[in-house]
Amino acid sequence: MPAHDSTLQLIGMAALTLATIAWAVVVTRLLRRNRRAALAWHAGRVLPVLPHQEQAGPPRESVELTPAEQDAFAGLVRRLGGR
């Protein structure tokens, strides 16, 4: 305990420190609770102006490779994977 500080000053500083910590904990909890509620509300909200969107994408396309192209691609993968 420093010699130049009175007991009341030390008690006051401890009380202010505890009050600050308690305030920070309460504010953090309130903000987290409100954020969860806002995210839940926002996720359940549907915009009536936009039409229903189809979830399916375009059909997949594929190309058959010749054996020479397959070998070249395998060599490229080996070269890039060997970094």
PDB file of N, CA and C in Angstrom:
ATOM      1  N   MET A   1       0.852  -1.175   0.000  1.00  0.00           N
ATOM      2  CA  MET A   1       0.000   0.000   0.000  1.00  0.00           C
ATOM      3  C   MET A   1       0.898   1.238   0.000  1.00  0.00           C
ATOM      4  N   PRO A   2       0.719   2.125  -0.965  1.00  0.00           N
ATOM      5  CA  PRO A   2       1.548   3.336  -1.006  1.00  0.00           C
ATOM      6  C   PRO A   2       1.309   4.214   0.215  1.00  0.00           C
ATOM      7  N   ALA A   3       2.359   4.844   0.695  1.00  0.00           N
ATOM      8  CA  ALA A   3       2.291   5.648   1.911  1.00  0.00           C
ATOM      9  C   ALA A   3       1.511   6.942   1.708  1.00  0.00           C
ATOM     10  N   HIS A   4       1.498   7.499   0.525  1.00  0.00           N
ATOM     11  CA  HIS A   4       0.862   8.802   0.309  1.00  0.00           C
ATOM     12  C   HIS A   4      -0.634   8.688  -0.019  1.00  0.00           C
ATOM     13  N   ASP A   5      -1.161   7.476  -0.218  1.00  0.00           N
ATOM     14  CA  ASP A   5      -2.591   7.297  -0.490  1.00  0.00           C
ATOM     15  C   ASP A   5      -3.321   6.938   0.796  1.00  0.00           C
ATOM     16  N   SER A   6      -4.478   7.573   0.999  1.00  0.00           N
ATOM     17  CA  SER A   6      -5.255   7.247   2.192  1.00  0.00           C
ATOM     18  C   SER A   6      -6.060   5.967   1.952  1.00  0.00           C
ATOM     19  N   THR A   7      -6.574   5.402   3.008  1.00  0.00           N
ATOM     20  CA  THR A   7      -7.359   4.171   2.920  1.00  0.00           C
ATOM     21  C   THR A   7      -8.629   4.413   2.115  1.00  0.00           C
ATOM     22  N   LEU A   8      -9.263   5.551   2.299  1.00  0.00           N
ATOM     23  CA  LEU A   8     -10.475   5.859   1.539  1.00  0.00           C
ATOM     24  C   LEU A   8     -10.192   5.962   0.040  1.00  0.00           C
ATOM     25  N   GLN A   9      -9.054   6.513  -0.330  1.00  0.00           N
ATOM     26  CA  GLN A   9      -8.706   6.579  -1.748  1.00  0.00           C
ATOM     27  C   GLN A   9      -8.526   5.184  -2.330  1.00  0.00           C
ATOM     28  N   LEU A  10      -7.881   4.309  -1.588  1.00  0.00           N
ATOM     29  CA  LEU A  10      -7.672   2.948  -2.072  1.00  0.00           C
ATOM     30  C   LEU A  10      -8.995   2.191  -2.179  1.00  0.00           C
ATOM     31  N   ILE A  11      -9.872   2.361  -1.200  1.00  0.00           N
ATOM     32  CA  ILE A  11     -11.186   1.711  -1.254  1.00  0.00           C
ATOM     33  C   ILE A  11     -11.999   2.263  -2.417  1.00  0.00           C
ATOM     34  N   GLY A  12     -11.940   3.578  -2.620  1.00  0.00           N
ATOM     35  CA  GLY A  12     -12.656   4.190  -3.734  1.00  0.00           C
ATOM     36  C   GLY A  12     -12.147   3.700  -5.079  1.00  0.00           C
ATOM     37  N   MET A  13     -10.837   3.582  -5.212  1.00  0.00           N
ATOM     38  CA  MET A  13     -10.269   3.088  -6.464  1.00  0.00           C
ATOM     39  C   MET A  13     -10.669   1.636  -6.706  1.00  0.00           C
ATOM     40  N   ALA A  14     -10.670   0.817  -5.668  1.00  0.00           N
ATOM     41  CA  ALA A  14     -11.080  -0.578  -5.816  1.00  0.00           C
ATOM     42  C   ALA A  14     -12.555  -0.662  -6.205  1.00  0.00           C
ATOM     43  N   ALA A  15     -13.391   0.175  -5.598  1.00  0.00           N
ATOM     44  CA  ALA A  15     -14.822   0.169  -5.909  1.00  0.00           C
ATOM     45  C   ALA A  15     -15.061   0.615  -7.351  1.00  0.00           C
ATOM     46  N   LEU A  16     -14.356   1.642  -7.792  1.00  0.00           N
ATOM     47  CA  LEU A  16     -14.501   2.097  -9.181  1.00  0.00           C
ATOM     48  C   LEU A  16     -14.023   1.026 -10.169  1.00  0.00           C
ATOM     49  N   THR A  17     -12.947   0.338  -9.818  1.00  0.00           N
ATOM     50  CA  THR A  17     -12.441  -0.723 -10.686  1.00  0.00           C
ATOM     51  C   THR A  17     -13.452  -1.851 -10.791  1.00  0.00           C
ATOM     52  N   LEU A  18     -14.019  -2.267  -9.670  1.00  0.00           N
ATOM     53  CA  LEU A  18     -15.028  -3.329  -9.686  1.00  0.00           C
ATOM     54  C   LEU A  18     -16.280  -2.901 -10.444  1.00  0.00           C
ATOM     55  N   ALA A  19     -16.693  -1.649 -10.256  1.00  0.00           N
ATOM     56  CA  ALA A  19     -17.867  -1.154 -10.978  1.00  0.00           C
ATOM     57  C   ALA A  19     -17.612  -1.124 -12.480  1.00  0.00           C
ATOM     58  N   THR A  20     -16.411  -0.750 -12.883  1.00  0.00           N
ATOM     59  CA  THR A  20     -16.069  -0.723 -14.305  1.00  0.00           C
ATOM     60  C   THR A  20     -16.088  -2.120 -14.897  1.00  0.00           C
ATOM     61  N   ILE A  21     -15.542  -3.077 -14.178  1.00  0.00           N
ATOM     62  CA  ILE A  21     -15.532  -4.459 -14.659  1.00  0.00           C
ATOM     63  C   ILE A  21     -16.956  -4.990 -14.761  1.00  0.00           C
ATOM     64  N   ALA A  22     -17.781  -4.731 -13.740  1.00  0.00           N
ATOM     65  CA  ALA A  22     -19.172  -5.192 -13.771  1.00  0.00           C
ATOM     66  C   ALA A  22     -19.927  -4.542 -14.938  1.00  0.00           C
ATOM     67  N   TRP A  23     -19.702  -3.259 -15.160  1.00  0.00           N
ATOM     68  CA  TRP A  23     -20.363  -2.564 -16.272  1.00  0.00           C
ATOM     69  C   TRP A  23     -19.966  -3.185 -17.604  1.00  0.00           C
ATOM     70  N   ALA A  24     -18.674  -3.480 -17.781  1.00  0.00           N
ATOM     71  CA  ALA A  24     -18.198  -4.060 -19.038  1.00  0.00           C
ATOM     72  C   ALA A  24     -18.816  -5.439 -19.269  1.00  0.00           C
ATOM     73  N   VAL A  25     -18.935  -6.234 -18.215  1.00  0.00           N
ATOM     74  CA  VAL A  25     -19.533  -7.568 -18.348  1.00  0.00           C
ATOM     75  C   VAL A  25     -21.001  -7.444 -18.739  1.00  0.00           C
ATOM     76  N   VAL A  26     -21.737  -6.562 -18.094  1.00  0.00           N
ATOM     77  CA  VAL A  26     -23.163  -6.399 -18.385  1.00  0.00           C
ATOM     78  C   VAL A  26     -23.372  -5.885 -19.806  1.00  0.00           C
ATOM     79  N   VAL A  27     -22.603  -4.914 -20.231  1.00  0.00           N
ATOM     80  CA  VAL A  27     -22.752  -4.371 -21.579  1.00  0.00           C
ATOM     81  C   VAL A  27     -22.421  -5.435 -22.625  1.00  0.00           C
ATOM     82  N   THR A  28     -21.378  -6.208 -22.367  1.00  0.00           N
ATOM     83  CA  THR A  28     -21.011  -7.268 -23.308  1.00  0.00           C
ATOM     84  C   THR A  28     -22.120  -8.294 -23.434  1.00  0.00           C
ATOM     85  N   ARG A  29     -22.695  -8.703 -22.323  1.00  0.00           N
ATOM     86  CA  ARG A  29     -23.790  -9.677 -22.371  1.00  0.00           C
ATOM     87  C   ARG A  29     -25.016  -9.121 -23.087  1.00  0.00           C
ATOM     88  N   LEU A  30     -25.348  -7.863 -22.824  1.00  0.00           N
ATOM     89  CA  LEU A  30     -26.503  -7.255 -23.494  1.00  0.00           C
ATOM     90  C   LEU A  30     -26.277  -7.169 -24.998  1.00  0.00           C
ATOM     91  N   LEU A  31     -25.092  -6.776 -25.409  1.00  0.00           N
ATOM     92  CA  LEU A  31     -24.813  -6.673 -26.838  1.00  0.00           C
ATOM     93  C   LEU A  31     -24.860  -8.031 -27.514  1.00  0.00           C
ATOM     94  N   ARG A  32     -24.329  -9.051 -26.862  1.00  0.00           N
ATOM     95  CA  ARG A  32     -24.365 -10.396 -27.444  1.00  0.00           C
ATOM     96  C   ARG A  32     -25.795 -10.902 -27.544  1.00  0.00           C
ATOM     97  N   ARG A  33     -26.601 -10.680 -26.509  1.00  0.00           N
ATOM     98  CA  ARG A  33     -27.989 -11.139 -26.523  1.00  0.00           C
ATOM     99  C   ARG A  33     -28.771 -10.428 -27.626  1.00  0.00           C
ATOM    100  N   ASN A  34     -28.576  -9.118 -27.733  1.00  0.00           N
ATOM    101  CA  ASN A  34     -29.282  -8.363 -28.762  1.00  0.00           C
ATOM    102  C   ASN A  34     -28.822  -8.755 -30.157  1.00  0.00           C
ATOM    103  N   ARG A  35     -27.530  -9.081 -30.319  1.00  0.00           N
ATOM    104  CA  ARG A  35     -27.037  -9.486 -31.633  1.00  0.00           C
ATOM    105  C   ARG A  35     -27.643 -10.821 -32.046  1.00  0.00           C
ATOM    106  N   ARG A  36     -27.728 -11.783 -31.098  1.00  0.00           N
ATOM    107  CA  ARG A  36     -28.338 -13.078 -31.412  1.00  0.00           C
ATOM    108  C   ARG A  36     -29.800 -12.899 -31.801  1.00  0.00           C
ATOM    109  N   ALA A  37     -30.519 -12.061 -31.065  1.00  0.00           N
ATOM    110  CA  ALA A  37     -31.929 -11.831 -31.369  1.00  0.00           C
ATOM    111  C   ALA A  37     -32.081 -11.160 -32.730  1.00  0.00           C
ATOM    112  N   ALA A  38     -31.207 -10.203 -33.034  1.00  0.00           N
ATOM    113  CA  ALA A  38     -31.287  -9.513 -34.326  1.00  0.00           C
ATOM    114  C   ALA A  38     -30.965 -10.463 -35.468  1.00  0.00           C
ATOM    115  N   LEU A  39     -29.964 -11.331 -35.275  1.00  0.00           N
ATOM    116  CA  LEU A  39     -29.622 -12.279 -36.330  1.00  0.00           C
ATOM    117  C   LEU A  39     -30.755 -13.282 -36.546  1.00  0.00           C
ATOM    118  N   ALA A  40     -31.388 -13.738 -35.465  1.00  0.00           N
ATOM    119  CA  ALA A  40     -32.498 -14.681 -35.598  1.00  0.00           C
ATOM    120  C   ALA A  40     -33.677 -14.014 -36.305  1.00  0.00           C
ATOM    121  N   TRP A  41     -33.942 -12.770 -35.973  1.00  0.00           N
ATOM    122  CA  TRP A  41     -35.039 -12.055 -36.620  1.00  0.00           C
ATOM    123  C   TRP A  41     -34.727 -11.827 -38.095  1.00  0.00           C
ATOM    124  N   HIS A  42     -33.492 -11.435 -38.379  1.00  0.00           N
ATOM    125  CA  HIS A  42     -33.112 -11.152 -39.757  1.00  0.00           C
ATOM    126  C   HIS A  42     -33.102 -12.421 -40.607  1.00  0.00           C
ATOM    127  N   ALA A  43     -32.695 -13.555 -40.033  1.00  0.00           N
ATOM    128  CA  ALA A  43     -32.644 -14.804 -40.791  1.00  0.00           C
ATOM    129  C   ALA A  43     -34.050 -15.294 -41.136  1.00  0.00           C
ATOM    130  N   GLY A  44     -35.025 -15.059 -40.266  1.00  0.00           N
ATOM    131  CA  GLY A  44     -36.382 -15.524 -40.508  1.00  0.00           C
ATOM    132  C   GLY A  44     -37.205 -14.586 -41.362  1.00  0.00           C
ATOM    133  N   ARG A  45     -36.664 -13.435 -41.665  1.00  0.00           N
ATOM    134  CA  ARG A  45     -37.397 -12.428 -42.419  1.00  0.00           C
ATOM    135  C   ARG A  45     -37.316 -12.724 -43.910  1.00  0.00           C
ATOM    136  N   VAL A  46     -38.435 -12.640 -44.587  1.00  0.00           N
ATOM    137  CA  VAL A  46     -38.498 -12.875 -46.028  1.00  0.00           C
ATOM    138  C   VAL A  46     -38.899 -11.568 -46.705  1.00  0.00           C
ATOM    139  N   LEU A  47     -38.195 -11.231 -47.747  1.00  0.00           N
ATOM    140  CA  LEU A  47     -38.543 -10.022 -48.484  1.00  0.00           C
ATOM    141  C   LEU A  47     -39.662 -10.349 -49.471  1.00  0.00           C
ATOM    142  N   PRO A  48     -40.840  -9.756 -49.314  1.00  0.00           N
ATOM    143  CA  PRO A  48     -41.960 -10.100 -50.190  1.00  0.00           C
ATOM    144  C   PRO A  48     -41.813  -9.545 -51.599  1.00  0.00           C
ATOM    145  N   VAL A  49     -40.889  -8.624 -51.829  1.00  0.00           N
ATOM    146  CA  VAL A  49     -40.762  -7.986 -53.133  1.00  0.00           C
ATOM    147  C   VAL A  49     -40.046  -8.901 -54.129  1.00  0.00           C
ATOM    148  N   LEU A  50     -39.102  -9.692 -53.646  1.00  0.00           N
ATOM    149  CA  LEU A  50     -38.321 -10.537 -54.548  1.00  0.00           C
ATOM    150  C   LEU A  50     -39.064 -11.830 -54.861  1.00  0.00           C
ATOM    151  N   PRO A  51     -39.025 -12.296 -56.117  1.00  0.00           N
ATOM    152  CA  PRO A  51     -39.658 -13.567 -56.447  1.00  0.00           C
ATOM    153  C   PRO A  51     -38.859 -14.734 -55.869  1.00  0.00           C
ATOM    154  N   HIS A  52     -39.491 -15.885 -55.797  1.00  0.00           N
ATOM    155  CA  HIS A  52     -38.843 -17.079 -55.276  1.00  0.00           C
ATOM    156  C   HIS A  52     -37.678 -17.476 -56.182  1.00  0.00           C
ATOM    157  N   GLN A  53     -36.529 -17.719 -55.586  1.00  0.00           N
ATOM    158  CA  GLN A  53     -35.337 -18.070 -56.347  1.00  0.00           C
ATOM    159  C   GLN A  53     -35.180 -19.582 -56.399  1.00  0.00           C
ATOM    160  N   GLU A  54     -34.876 -20.121 -57.554  1.00  0.00           N
ATOM    161  CA  GLU A  54     -34.608 -21.547 -57.682  1.00  0.00           C
ATOM    162  C   GLU A  54     -33.232 -21.841 -57.110  1.00  0.00           C
ATOM    163  N   GLN A  55     -33.106 -22.950 -56.388  1.00  0.00           N
ATOM    164  CA  GLN A  55     -31.847 -23.312 -55.766  1.00  0.00           C
ATOM    165  C   GLN A  55     -30.930 -24.071 -56.719  1.00  0.00           C
ATOM    166  N   ALA A  56     -31.477 -24.657 -57.769  1.00  0.00           N
ATOM    167  CA  ALA A  56     -30.664 -25.444 -58.694  1.00  0.00           C
ATOM    168  C   ALA A  56     -29.860 -24.522 -59.595  1.00  0.00           C
ATOM    169  N   GLY A  57     -28.615 -24.903 -59.836  1.00  0.00           N
ATOM    170  CA  GLY A  57     -27.757 -24.133 -60.712  1.00  0.00           C
ATOM    171  C   GLY A  57     -27.836 -24.659 -62.138  1.00  0.00           C
ATOM    172  N   PRO A  58     -26.977 -24.166 -62.970  1.00  0.00           N
ATOM    173  CA  PRO A  58     -26.971 -24.636 -64.357  1.00  0.00           C
ATOM    174  C   PRO A  58     -26.491 -26.089 -64.417  1.00  0.00           C
ATOM    175  N   PRO A  59     -26.819 -26.790 -65.492  1.00  0.00           N
ATOM    176  CA  PRO A  59     -26.377 -28.183 -65.598  1.00  0.00           C
ATOM    177  C   PRO A  59     -24.855 -28.256 -65.694  1.00  0.00           C
ATOM    178  N   ARG A  60     -24.284 -29.341 -65.159  1.00  0.00           N
ATOM    179  CA  ARG A  60     -22.833 -29.507 -65.177  1.00  0.00           C
ATOM    180  C   ARG A  60     -22.370 -29.882 -66.574  1.00  0.00           C
ATOM    181  N   GLU A  61     -21.216 -29.384 -66.922  1.00  0.00           N
ATOM    182  CA  GLU A  61     -20.619 -29.715 -68.201  1.00  0.00           C
ATOM    183  C   GLU A  61     -19.350 -30.514 -67.951  1.00  0.00           C
ATOM    184  N   SER A  62     -19.058 -31.444 -68.834  1.00  0.00           N
ATOM    185  CA  SER A  62     -17.823 -32.208 -68.705  1.00  0.00           C
ATOM    186  C   SER A  62     -17.248 -32.456 -70.092  1.00  0.00           C
ATOM    187  N   VAL A  63     -15.947 -32.605 -70.119  1.00  0.00           N
ATOM    188  CA  VAL A  63     -15.234 -32.844 -71.365  1.00  0.00           C
ATOM    189  C   VAL A  63     -14.329 -34.046 -71.147  1.00  0.00           C
ATOM    190  N   GLU A  64     -14.358 -34.978 -72.082  1.00  0.00           N
ATOM    191  CA  GLU A  64     -13.481 -36.140 -72.000  1.00  0.00           C
ATOM    192  C   GLU A  64     -12.078 -35.737 -72.461  1.00  0.00           C
ATOM    193  N   LEU A  65     -11.064 -36.122 -71.691  1.00  0.00           N
ATOM    194  CA  LEU A  65      -9.689 -35.818 -72.048  1.00  0.00           C
ATOM    195  C   LEU A  65      -9.063 -37.011 -72.762  1.00  0.00           C
ATOM    196  N   THR A  66      -8.187 -36.689 -73.653  1.00  0.00           N
ATOM    197  CA  THR A  66      -7.440 -37.761 -74.325  1.00  0.00           C
ATOM    198  C   THR A  66      -6.375 -38.274 -73.360  1.00  0.00           C
ATOM    199  N   PRO A  67      -5.825 -39.454 -73.584  1.00  0.00           N
ATOM    200  CA  PRO A  67      -4.765 -39.950 -72.699  1.00  0.00           C
ATOM    201  C   PRO A  67      -3.571 -39.007 -72.608  1.00  0.00           C
ATOM    202  N   ALA A  68      -3.205 -38.344 -73.680  1.00  0.00           N
ATOM    203  CA  ALA A  68      -2.088 -37.395 -73.636  1.00  0.00           C
ATOM    204  C   ALA A  68      -2.437 -36.204 -72.741  1.00  0.00           C
ATOM    205  N   GLU A  69      -3.659 -35.727 -72.828  1.00  0.00           N
ATOM    206  CA  GLU A  69      -4.087 -34.607 -71.971  1.00  0.00           C
ATOM    207  C   GLU A  69      -4.144 -35.030 -70.512  1.00  0.00           C
ATOM    208  N   GLN A  70      -4.591 -36.266 -70.257  1.00  0.00           N
ATOM    209  CA  GLN A  70      -4.627 -36.772 -68.884  1.00  0.00           C
ATOM    210  C   GLN A  70      -3.218 -36.853 -68.311  1.00  0.00           C
ATOM    211  N   ASP A  71      -2.245 -37.334 -69.100  1.00  0.00           N
ATOM    212  CA  ASP A  71      -0.852 -37.403 -68.643  1.00  0.00           C
ATOM    213  C   ASP A  71      -0.288 -36.011 -68.383  1.00  0.00           C
ATOM    214  N   ALA A  72      -0.589 -35.066 -69.271  1.00  0.00           N
ATOM    215  CA  ALA A  72      -0.105 -33.694 -69.086  1.00  0.00           C
ATOM    216  C   ALA A  72      -0.707 -33.081 -67.818  1.00  0.00           C
ATOM    217  N   PHE A  73      -1.971 -33.333 -67.597  1.00  0.00           N
ATOM    218  CA  PHE A  73      -2.621 -32.791 -66.391  1.00  0.00           C
ATOM    219  C   PHE A  73      -2.035 -33.427 -65.131  1.00  0.00           C
ATOM    220  N   ALA A  74      -1.799 -34.747 -65.168  1.00  0.00           N
ATOM    221  CA  ALA A  74      -1.205 -35.420 -64.010  1.00  0.00           C
ATOM    222  C   ALA A  74       0.185 -34.866 -63.736  1.00  0.00           C
ATOM    223  N   GLY A  75       0.973 -34.603 -64.777  1.00  0.00           N
ATOM    224  CA  GLY A  75       2.296 -34.004 -64.582  1.00  0.00           C
ATOM    225  C   GLY A  75       2.200 -32.618 -63.991  1.00  0.00           C
ATOM    226  N   LEU A  76       1.239 -31.838 -64.422  1.00  0.00           N
ATOM    227  CA  LEU A  76       1.042 -30.492 -63.880  1.00  0.00           C
ATOM    228  C   LEU A  76       0.673 -30.542 -62.406  1.00  0.00           C
ATOM    229  N   VAL A  77      -0.216 -31.480 -62.048  1.00  0.00           N
ATOM    230  CA  VAL A  77      -0.620 -31.601 -60.642  1.00  0.00           C
ATOM    231  C   VAL A  77       0.574 -32.015 -59.790  1.00  0.00           C
ATOM    232  N   ARG A  78       1.403 -32.941 -60.285  1.00  0.00           N
ATOM    233  CA  ARG A  78       2.586 -33.362 -59.530  1.00  0.00           C
ATOM    234  C   ARG A  78       3.560 -32.203 -59.366  1.00  0.00           C
ATOM    235  N   ARG A  79       3.741 -31.408 -60.423  1.00  0.00           N
ATOM    236  CA  ARG A  79       4.676 -30.295 -60.356  1.00  0.00           C
ATOM    237  C   ARG A  79       4.185 -29.215 -59.386  1.00  0.00           C
ATOM    238  N   LEU A  80       2.895 -28.909 -59.429  1.00  0.00           N
ATOM    239  CA  LEU A  80       2.356 -27.882 -58.531  1.00  0.00           C
ATOM    240  C   LEU A  80       2.256 -28.384 -57.087  1.00  0.00           C
ATOM    241  N   GLY A  81       2.019 -29.665 -56.917  1.00  0.00           N
ATOM    242  CA  GLY A  81       1.912 -30.212 -55.560  1.00  0.00           C
ATOM    243  C   GLY A  81       3.252 -30.413 -54.903  1.00  0.00           C
ATOM    244  N   GLY A  82       4.358 -30.400 -55.651  1.00  0.00           N
ATOM    245  CA  GLY A  82       5.676 -30.651 -55.086  1.00  0.00           C
ATOM    246  C   GLY A  82       6.387 -29.411 -54.611  1.00  0.00           C
ATOM    247  N   ARG A  83       5.681 -28.322 -54.398  1.00  0.00           N
ATOM    248  CA  ARG A  83       6.321 -27.067 -53.945  1.00  0.00           C
ATOM    249  C   ARG A  83       7.033 -27.259 -52.662  1.00  0.00           C
TER     250      ARG A  83
END
